[in-house]
């Protein structure tokens, strides 16, 4: 068995965690001027997102163990439920990670220069809330993940906060493109959580974990998942088309360039549609089939954002 701390960190979740940062960087590129610290800001933002995600993963392991959810589901892949890590050790790790994340976040804000105006204190407050959100998804008596609020928090922090936050850190004007892109990546990130919650409907319901999937039930959760995917893909692709229109000064919207852009993303449409169809055939609790779908969607979203970034870098270079 590999190191239990590495397993508890769930490294496969990290590509999705940094996707919003990469997308925020990409939509800010057309207006990015004379920022000598831009790459350093980008790197520190990536590091902060990774630390927040690992903190969240550790906290989820601890919180679900504390409430008996993982034991009820027979989760041998969770480190506390399997006995590989003790609750006391995980508590210490959470305190340490939270402090490290806070320090890195403050350094990021200082280097970005946002403390020269109200942006700094706003982002500092947002950062503290982000750390709290990563901790209390499943931890504590009032864990918001048990009250059907997990989807809203993922949409907000993986979408709005990361994309628009990058714009503020890079000192560019927040535009409609930031908003559309943040809605897109927010919906797609929520779709990943939705697959996870769909898989665990039975065990979560038994332990009174009221996720959106538990509230909606099997059939409506699949419909909800389809809406998340459609609006997510539309948001990301629409943001790129608007960037091309504005930066390349298109005189009209209906151009072959739009068809070409849609063609570049066609493989993603097909892949995500296939994953959706496979999920429809799965029953909640079918971990062997659903877990690979969870991983595939995360990596597909990451690849989508990378292609977005490469295209924007090309047209603005």
Protein backbone atom coordinates (compact mmCIF):
# COMPACT_ATOMS: atom_id res chain seq x y z
CA UNK A 1 0.00 0.00 0.00
CA UNK A 2 1.25 3.49 -0.80
CA UNK A 3 1.65 6.22 1.78
CA UNK A 4 -1.76 6.73 3.48
CA UNK A 5 -1.30 10.52 3.58
CA UNK A 6 -0.83 10.59 -0.18
CA UNK A 7 -3.90 8.39 -0.61
CA UNK A 8 -5.94 10.65 1.70
CA UNK A 9 -4.81 13.67 -0.36
CA UNK A 10 -6.59 12.10 -3.37
CA UNK A 11 -4.21 13.54 -5.94
CA UNK A 12 -6.63 12.69 -8.75
CA UNK A 13 -8.81 15.60 -7.57
CA UNK A 14 -6.05 18.18 -8.03
CA UNK A 15 -6.43 18.74 -11.82
CA UNK A 16 -10.02 19.86 -11.26
CA UNK A 17 -8.96 22.03 -8.31
CA UNK A 18 -6.60 24.07 -10.49
CA UNK A 19 -8.84 24.18 -13.58
CA UNK A 20 -10.61 27.33 -12.39
CA UNK A 21 -7.26 29.05 -11.78
CA UNK A 22 -6.08 28.21 -15.29
CA UNK A 23 -9.37 29.40 -16.76
CA UNK A 24 -9.22 32.64 -14.73
CA UNK A 25 -5.68 33.21 -15.99
CA UNK A 26 -6.77 32.54 -19.58
CA UNK A 27 -9.72 34.94 -19.65
CA UNK A 28 -7.53 37.63 -18.06
CA UNK A 29 -4.76 37.33 -20.67
CA UNK A 30 -6.30 39.70 -23.26
CA UNK A 31 -6.26 42.55 -20.71
CA UNK A 32 -3.04 41.63 -18.92
CA UNK A 33 -0.53 44.45 -19.32
CA UNK A 34 2.89 45.09 -17.79
CA UNK A 35 2.44 42.83 -14.78
CA UNK A 36 5.97 41.65 -14.03
CA UNK A 37 4.73 39.31 -11.29
CA UNK A 38 2.01 37.68 -13.40
CA UNK A 39 3.64 34.25 -13.63
CA UNK A 40 4.56 34.27 -9.94
CA UNK A 41 0.97 35.19 -9.06
CA UNK A 42 -0.27 32.37 -11.28
CA UNK A 43 2.08 29.85 -9.65
CA UNK A 44 1.16 30.88 -6.12
CA UNK A 45 -2.55 30.77 -6.99
CA UNK A 46 -2.08 27.20 -8.26
CA UNK A 47 -0.25 26.28 -5.03
CA UNK A 48 -3.00 27.84 -2.90
CA UNK A 49 -5.70 25.93 -4.81
CA UNK A 50 -3.78 22.65 -4.37
CA UNK A 51 -3.37 23.24 -0.63
CA UNK A 52 -7.07 24.07 -0.27
CA UNK A 53 -8.06 20.92 -2.13
CA UNK A 54 -5.81 18.66 -0.05
CA UNK A 55 -7.14 20.31 3.11
CA UNK A 56 -10.68 19.64 1.88
CA UNK A 57 -9.88 16.02 1.08
CA UNK A 58 -8.35 15.43 4.50
CA UNK A 59 -11.30 17.15 6.17
CA UNK A 60 -13.79 15.04 4.18
CA UNK A 61 -11.98 11.89 5.26
CA UNK A 62 -12.17 13.02 8.88
CA UNK A 63 -15.74 14.35 8.76
CA UNK A 64 -17.29 11.33 7.07
CA UNK A 65 -15.42 9.00 9.45
CA UNK A 66 -16.59 11.03 12.43
CA UNK A 67 -20.21 10.63 11.31
CA UNK A 68 -19.89 6.96 10.36
CA UNK A 69 -20.70 7.49 6.68
CA UNK A 70 -17.56 5.79 5.35
CA UNK A 71 -17.98 2.82 7.68
CA UNK A 72 -21.59 2.39 6.52
CA UNK A 73 -20.47 2.45 2.89
CA UNK A 74 -17.59 0.02 3.53
CA UNK A 75 -15.07 2.59 2.28
CA UNK A 76 -11.66 0.91 2.52
CA UNK A 77 -10.24 3.66 0.31
CA UNK A 78 -10.71 6.23 3.09
CA UNK A 79 -7.74 6.34 5.42
CA UNK A 80 -9.51 6.88 8.74
CA UNK A 81 -12.16 4.27 8.01
CA UNK A 82 -9.44 1.77 7.08
CA UNK A 83 -7.43 2.58 10.22
CA UNK A 84 -4.35 3.74 8.28
CA UNK A 85 -4.52 7.22 9.87
CA UNK A 86 -5.79 8.07 13.35
CA UNK A 87 -8.30 10.88 13.97
CA UNK A 88 -5.78 12.67 16.21
CA UNK A 89 -3.14 12.69 13.47
CA UNK A 90 -5.65 13.96 10.91
CA UNK A 91 -6.69 16.81 13.22
CA UNK A 92 -3.05 17.92 13.52
CA UNK A 93 -2.61 17.69 9.74
CA UNK A 94 -5.70 19.86 9.19
CA UNK A 95 -4.44 22.56 11.55
CA UNK A 96 -1.00 22.52 9.90
CA UNK A 97 -2.40 22.64 6.35
CA UNK A 98 -4.81 25.44 7.21
CA UNK A 99 -1.98 27.57 8.58
CA UNK A 100 0.28 26.86 5.59
CA UNK A 101 -2.55 27.69 3.18
CA UNK A 102 -3.21 30.96 4.99
CA UNK A 103 0.47 31.97 4.87
CA UNK A 104 0.80 31.14 1.16
CA UNK A 105 -2.43 33.04 0.47
CA UNK A 106 -1.18 36.16 2.28
CA UNK A 107 2.11 36.00 0.33
CA UNK A 108 0.08 35.73 -2.88
CA UNK A 109 -1.98 38.81 -1.99
CA UNK A 110 1.13 40.77 -1.03
CA UNK A 111 2.95 39.98 -4.27
CA UNK A 112 -0.12 40.81 -6.35
CA UNK A 113 -0.24 44.26 -4.77
CA UNK A 114 -3.93 44.13 -3.92
CA UNK A 115 -3.38 45.48 -0.40
CA UNK A 116 -2.96 48.92 -1.96
CA UNK A 117 -6.74 49.20 -2.09
CA UNK A 118 -9.90 47.48 -0.87
CA UNK A 119 -9.32 44.43 -3.08
CA UNK A 120 -6.71 43.10 -0.65
CA UNK A 121 -8.97 42.94 2.38
CA UNK A 122 -11.84 41.59 0.30
CA UNK A 123 -9.65 38.79 -1.07
CA UNK A 124 -8.15 38.11 2.34
CA UNK A 125 -11.62 37.66 3.77
CA UNK A 126 -12.55 35.47 0.83
CA UNK A 127 -9.43 33.39 1.40
CA UNK A 128 -10.30 32.82 5.06
CA UNK A 129 -13.83 31.80 4.05
CA UNK A 130 -12.31 29.42 1.47
CA UNK A 131 -10.22 27.72 4.15
CA UNK A 132 -13.31 27.44 6.33
CA UNK A 133 -15.31 26.01 3.42
CA UNK A 134 -12.62 23.39 2.77
CA UNK A 135 -12.75 22.31 6.43
CA UNK A 136 -16.44 22.29 7.21
CA UNK A 137 -17.92 20.50 4.20
CA UNK A 138 -18.27 17.36 6.31
CA UNK A 139 -16.67 18.35 9.64
CA UNK A 140 -18.75 19.44 12.62
CA UNK A 141 -22.40 19.25 13.65
CA UNK A 142 -23.40 21.87 11.08
CA UNK A 143 -21.36 20.53 8.15
CA UNK A 144 -22.87 22.18 5.07
CA UNK A 145 -22.25 19.13 2.89
CA UNK A 146 -24.85 17.28 4.98
CA UNK A 147 -27.46 19.99 4.39
CA UNK A 148 -27.57 20.00 0.60
CA UNK A 149 -25.26 23.02 0.26
CA UNK A 150 -22.20 21.27 -1.16
CA UNK A 151 -23.17 21.92 -4.78
CA UNK A 152 -23.67 25.64 -4.16
CA UNK A 153 -20.30 25.96 -2.44
CA UNK A 154 -18.48 24.06 -5.20
CA UNK A 155 -20.14 26.22 -7.86
CA UNK A 156 -19.14 29.35 -5.98
CA UNK A 157 -15.57 28.50 -5.00
CA UNK A 158 -14.54 26.44 -8.04
CA UNK A 159 -16.23 28.92 -10.36
CA UNK A 160 -16.81 32.50 -9.30
CA UNK A 161 -14.09 32.76 -6.67
CA UNK A 162 -11.29 31.19 -8.73
CA UNK A 163 -12.00 32.80 -12.11
CA UNK A 164 -12.88 36.30 -10.90
CA UNK A 165 -10.34 36.09 -8.09
CA UNK A 166 -7.56 35.52 -10.64
CA UNK A 167 -8.71 38.62 -12.49
CA UNK A 168 -8.48 40.69 -9.30
CA UNK A 169 -5.07 39.27 -8.44
CA UNK A 170 -3.77 40.10 -11.92
CA UNK A 171 -5.26 43.61 -11.68
CA UNK A 172 -7.38 43.33 -14.81
CA UNK A 173 -10.91 44.58 -15.29
CA UNK A 174 -13.51 41.94 -14.46
CA UNK A 175 -15.67 41.53 -17.55
CA UNK A 176 -18.68 39.59 -18.73
CA UNK A 177 -16.27 36.95 -20.02
CA UNK A 178 -15.05 36.29 -16.46
CA UNK A 179 -18.65 35.82 -15.34
CA UNK A 180 -19.58 33.48 -18.20
CA UNK A 181 -16.40 31.42 -17.80
CA UNK A 182 -16.88 31.16 -14.03
CA UNK A 183 -20.45 29.90 -14.51
CA UNK A 184 -19.14 27.33 -16.99
CA UNK A 185 -16.37 25.90 -14.82
CA UNK A 186 -18.60 26.17 -11.75
CA UNK A 187 -21.26 23.99 -13.38
CA UNK A 188 -18.71 21.45 -14.61
CA UNK A 189 -17.04 21.23 -11.18
CA UNK A 190 -20.45 20.75 -9.57
CA UNK A 191 -21.11 17.94 -12.06
CA UNK A 192 -18.05 16.11 -10.70
CA UNK A 193 -19.40 16.40 -7.15
CA UNK A 194 -22.80 15.28 -8.41
CA UNK A 195 -21.34 12.02 -9.76
CA UNK A 196 -19.72 11.43 -6.38
CA UNK A 197 -23.02 12.09 -4.59
CA UNK A 198 -25.02 9.98 -7.05
CA UNK A 199 -22.72 7.05 -6.32
CA UNK A 200 -23.26 7.46 -2.57
CA UNK A 201 -27.03 8.10 -2.52
CA UNK A 202 -27.82 4.90 -0.61
CA UNK A 203 -25.14 5.15 2.09
CA UNK A 204 -25.60 8.92 2.46
CA UNK A 205 -29.35 8.56 2.93
CA UNK A 206 -28.81 5.91 5.59
CA UNK A 207 -26.59 8.31 7.55
CA UNK A 208 -28.85 11.32 6.95
CA UNK A 209 -26.31 13.06 4.71
CA UNK A 210 -28.68 15.26 2.70
CA UNK A 211 -26.78 15.90 -0.50
CA UNK A 212 -28.56 17.32 -3.54
CA UNK A 213 -28.50 13.82 -5.03
CA UNK A 214 -30.26 12.39 -1.96
CA UNK A 215 -32.83 15.19 -2.04
CA UNK A 216 -33.55 14.79 -5.76
CA UNK A 217 -33.40 11.01 -5.97
CA UNK A 218 -31.86 8.88 -8.70
CA UNK A 219 -33.81 9.98 -11.79
CA UNK A 220 -33.88 13.72 -11.10
CA UNK A 221 -30.16 13.66 -10.20
CA UNK A 222 -29.40 12.35 -13.70
CA UNK A 223 -31.49 15.16 -15.25
CA UNK A 224 -29.76 17.70 -13.01
CA UNK A 225 -26.41 16.28 -14.10
CA UNK A 226 -27.31 16.84 -17.74
CA UNK A 227 -28.15 20.49 -17.08
CA UNK A 228 -24.81 21.00 -15.30
CA UNK A 229 -22.89 19.55 -18.23
CA UNK A 230 -24.78 21.53 -20.88
CA UNK A 231 -24.50 24.88 -19.09
CA UNK A 232 -20.90 24.13 -18.13
CA UNK A 233 -19.75 23.41 -21.66
CA UNK A 234 -21.77 26.31 -23.05
CA UNK A 235 -20.21 28.72 -20.54
CA UNK A 236 -16.62 27.76 -21.29
CA UNK A 237 -17.00 27.70 -25.08
CA UNK A 238 -19.06 30.93 -25.12
CA UNK A 239 -16.34 32.68 -23.12
CA UNK A 240 -13.73 31.69 -25.70
CA UNK A 241 -15.88 32.84 -28.63
CA UNK A 242 -16.42 36.23 -26.94
CA UNK A 243 -12.67 36.60 -26.34
CA UNK A 244 -12.00 35.85 -30.01
CA UNK A 245 -14.69 38.29 -31.10
CA UNK A 246 -13.39 41.14 -28.93
CA UNK A 247 -9.65 40.59 -29.27
CA UNK A 248 -9.59 39.82 -32.99
CA UNK A 249 -12.15 42.59 -33.65
CA UNK A 250 -14.60 40.49 -35.60
CA UNK A 251 -17.05 42.69 -37.48
CA UNK A 252 -19.85 40.15 -37.21
CA UNK A 253 -20.64 37.12 -35.10
CA UNK A 254 -21.53 34.52 -37.73
CA UNK A 255 -18.12 33.64 -39.06
CA UNK A 256 -16.38 30.40 -40.07
CA UNK A 257 -14.10 31.03 -37.08
CA UNK A 258 -16.95 30.21 -34.69
CA UNK A 259 -17.59 26.91 -36.46
CA UNK A 260 -13.86 26.20 -36.28
CA UNK A 261 -13.81 26.91 -32.54
CA UNK A 262 -16.79 24.63 -31.99
CA UNK A 263 -15.02 21.98 -34.05
CA UNK A 264 -11.99 22.14 -31.76
CA UNK A 265 -14.20 21.37 -28.79
CA UNK A 266 -16.28 18.72 -30.53
CA UNK A 267 -14.22 15.83 -29.04
CA UNK A 268 -15.03 17.17 -25.57
CA UNK A 269 -18.75 17.32 -26.40
CA UNK A 270 -18.63 13.71 -27.56
CA UNK A 271 -16.61 12.46 -24.60
CA UNK A 272 -18.80 14.14 -22.00
CA UNK A 273 -21.97 12.97 -23.75
CA UNK A 274 -20.65 9.40 -23.67
CA UNK A 275 -19.85 9.68 -19.97
CA UNK A 276 -23.34 11.02 -19.30
CA UNK A 277 -24.95 8.11 -21.12
CA UNK A 278 -22.87 5.62 -19.14
CA UNK A 279 -23.86 7.26 -15.85
CA UNK A 280 -27.55 6.94 -16.81
CA UNK A 281 -27.06 3.18 -17.00
CA UNK A 282 -25.48 2.98 -13.52
CA UNK A 283 -27.27 2.38 -10.26
CA UNK A 284 -26.25 4.31 -7.11
CA UNK A 285 -23.63 2.34 -5.20
CA UNK A 286 -22.02 0.87 -8.35
CA UNK A 287 -18.52 2.00 -7.38
CA UNK A 288 -16.66 -0.07 -9.97
CA UNK A 289 -18.32 1.75 -12.86
CA UNK A 290 -18.97 5.17 -11.36
CA UNK A 291 -15.49 5.78 -9.89
CA UNK A 292 -13.81 5.66 -13.33
CA UNK A 293 -16.48 8.05 -14.66
CA UNK A 294 -15.69 10.43 -11.82
CA UNK A 295 -12.00 10.42 -12.72
CA UNK A 296 -12.66 10.71 -16.46
CA UNK A 297 -14.91 13.75 -16.10
CA UNK A 298 -12.35 15.52 -13.91
CA UNK A 299 -9.58 14.90 -16.44
CA UNK A 300 -11.84 15.86 -19.36
CA UNK A 301 -12.60 19.22 -17.71
CA UNK A 302 -8.90 19.77 -17.06
CA UNK A 303 -8.05 19.01 -20.71
CA UNK A 304 -10.87 21.33 -21.84
CA UNK A 305 -9.39 24.20 -19.81
CA UNK A 306 -5.86 23.50 -21.09
CA UNK A 307 -7.07 23.70 -24.70
CA UNK A 308 -8.91 26.93 -23.84
CA UNK A 309 -5.71 28.35 -22.38
CA UNK A 310 -3.59 27.35 -25.37
CA UNK A 311 -6.03 28.97 -27.82
CA UNK A 312 -6.18 32.24 -25.87
CA UNK A 313 -2.40 32.28 -25.49
CA UNK A 314 -2.05 31.81 -29.26
CA UNK A 315 -4.45 34.58 -30.28
CA UNK A 316 -3.03 37.08 -27.76
CA UNK A 317 0.66 36.40 -28.45
